[in-house]
Amino acid sequence: MSNALKQLLEGSVTLVVGLALWLFTGDVELPVVTLTKVGVVMMFWGGAQLLYGTYLGLAGQRAKS
């Protein structure tokens, strides 16, 4: 499995988990953090991983040709 594929897979899972936290944990209260805010951070992190994985995939294809 290439590094680009790993980044794409990890980024998509992180994004989906963050989206689930953001959508479904609005009424859950924890003393330290708000799960909806954690979900937003995870969505941004997952999006960044998706962009990086896309970059690695495109850079790898250019190097091969």
C-alpha atoms as a PDB file:
ATOM      1  CA  MET A   1       0.000   0.000   0.000  1.00  0.00           C
ATOM      2  CA  SER A   2       1.491   3.318  -1.021  1.00  0.00           C
ATOM      3  CA  ASN A   3       1.857   6.296   1.271  1.00  0.00           C
ATOM      4  CA  ALA A   4      -0.643   8.285  -0.802  1.00  0.00           C
ATOM      5  CA  LEU A   5      -3.281   5.577  -0.455  1.00  0.00           C
ATOM      6  CA  LYS A   6      -2.683   5.389   3.301  1.00  0.00           C
ATOM      7  CA  GLN A   7      -3.146   9.145   3.624  1.00  0.00           C
ATOM      8  CA  LEU A   8      -6.333   9.066   1.557  1.00  0.00           C
ATOM      9  CA  LEU A   9      -7.792   6.204   3.576  1.00  0.00           C
ATOM     10  CA  GLU A  10      -6.865   7.692   6.944  1.00  0.00           C
ATOM     11  CA  GLY A  11      -8.106  11.129   5.913  1.00  0.00           C
ATOM     12  CA  SER A  12     -11.471   9.854   4.746  1.00  0.00           C
ATOM     13  CA  VAL A  13     -12.008   7.849   7.962  1.00  0.00           C
ATOM     14  CA  THR A  14     -11.014  10.845  10.089  1.00  0.00           C
ATOM     15  CA  LEU A  15     -13.341  13.110   8.145  1.00  0.00           C
ATOM     16  CA  VAL A  16     -16.297  10.720   8.502  1.00  0.00           C
ATOM     17  CA  VAL A  17     -15.733  10.232  12.246  1.00  0.00           C
ATOM     18  CA  GLY A  18     -15.455  13.998  12.701  1.00  0.00           C
ATOM     19  CA  LEU A  19     -18.661  14.512  10.745  1.00  0.00           C
ATOM     20  CA  ALA A  20     -20.456  11.956  12.930  1.00  0.00           C
ATOM     21  CA  LEU A  21     -19.221  13.678  16.085  1.00  0.00           C
ATOM     22  CA  TRP A  22     -20.311  17.059  14.786  1.00  0.00           C
ATOM     23  CA  LEU A  23     -23.768  15.866  13.764  1.00  0.00           C
ATOM     24  CA  PHE A  24     -24.742  13.545  16.601  1.00  0.00           C
ATOM     25  CA  THR A  25     -23.087  14.767  19.806  1.00  0.00           C
ATOM     26  CA  GLY A  26     -24.665  18.185  20.221  1.00  0.00           C
ATOM     27  CA  ASP A  27     -26.328  17.346  23.540  1.00  0.00           C
ATOM     28  CA  VAL A  28     -23.421  15.411  25.103  1.00  0.00           C
ATOM     29  CA  GLU A  29     -21.628  17.401  27.794  1.00  0.00           C
ATOM     30  CA  LEU A  30     -18.096  16.635  28.939  1.00  0.00           C
ATOM     31  CA  PRO A  31     -16.249  18.704  31.550  1.00  0.00           C
ATOM     32  CA  VAL A  32     -13.178  19.464  29.410  1.00  0.00           C
ATOM     33  CA  VAL A  33     -14.110  19.517  25.701  1.00  0.00           C
ATOM     34  CA  THR A  34     -17.173  19.844  23.503  1.00  0.00           C
ATOM     35  CA  LEU A  35     -17.492  16.877  21.164  1.00  0.00           C
ATOM     36  CA  THR A  36     -18.968  18.993  18.369  1.00  0.00           C
ATOM     37  CA  LYS A  37     -15.809  21.137  18.378  1.00  0.00           C
ATOM     38  CA  VAL A  38     -13.640  18.020  18.383  1.00  0.00           C
ATOM     39  CA  GLY A  39     -15.652  16.847  15.366  1.00  0.00           C
ATOM     40  CA  VAL A  40     -14.960  20.083  13.494  1.00  0.00           C
ATOM     41  CA  VAL A  41     -11.230  19.811  14.218  1.00  0.00           C
ATOM     42  CA  MET A  42     -11.238  16.186  13.042  1.00  0.00           C
ATOM     43  CA  MET A  43     -13.025  17.172   9.826  1.00  0.00           C
ATOM     44  CA  PHE A  44     -10.399  19.806   9.078  1.00  0.00           C
ATOM     45  CA  TRP A  45      -7.587  17.359   9.869  1.00  0.00           C
ATOM     46  CA  GLY A  46      -9.169  14.692   7.661  1.00  0.00           C
ATOM     47  CA  GLY A  47      -9.546  17.194   4.833  1.00  0.00           C
ATOM     48  CA  ALA A  48      -5.893  18.155   5.149  1.00  0.00           C
ATOM     49  CA  GLN A  49      -4.910  14.487   4.999  1.00  0.00           C
ATOM     50  CA  LEU A  50      -7.045  14.012   1.893  1.00  0.00           C
ATOM     51  CA  LEU A  51      -5.357  16.962   0.208  1.00  0.00           C
ATOM     52  CA  TYR A  52      -1.900  15.682   1.167  1.00  0.00           C
ATOM     53  CA  GLY A  53      -2.711  12.180  -0.066  1.00  0.00           C
ATOM     54  CA  THR A  54      -3.937  13.615  -3.351  1.00  0.00           C
ATOM     55  CA  TYR A  55      -0.734  15.617  -3.668  1.00  0.00           C
ATOM     56  CA  LEU A  56       1.396  12.537  -2.985  1.00  0.00           C
ATOM     57  CA  GLY A  57      -0.544  10.533  -5.537  1.00  0.00           C
ATOM     58  CA  LEU A  58      -0.189  13.184  -8.226  1.00  0.00           C
ATOM     59  CA  ALA A  59       3.497  13.747  -7.471  1.00  0.00           C
ATOM     60  CA  GLY A  60       4.129  10.005  -7.660  1.00  0.00           C
ATOM     61  CA  GLN A  61       2.397   9.747 -11.023  1.00  0.00           C
ATOM     62  CA  ARG A  62       4.458  12.611 -12.425  1.00  0.00           C
ATOM     63  CA  ALA A  63       7.684  11.006 -11.278  1.00  0.00           C
ATOM     64  CA  LYS A  64       6.797   7.708 -12.982  1.00  0.00           C
ATOM     65  CA  SER A  65       6.066   9.238 -16.372  1.00  0.00           C
END
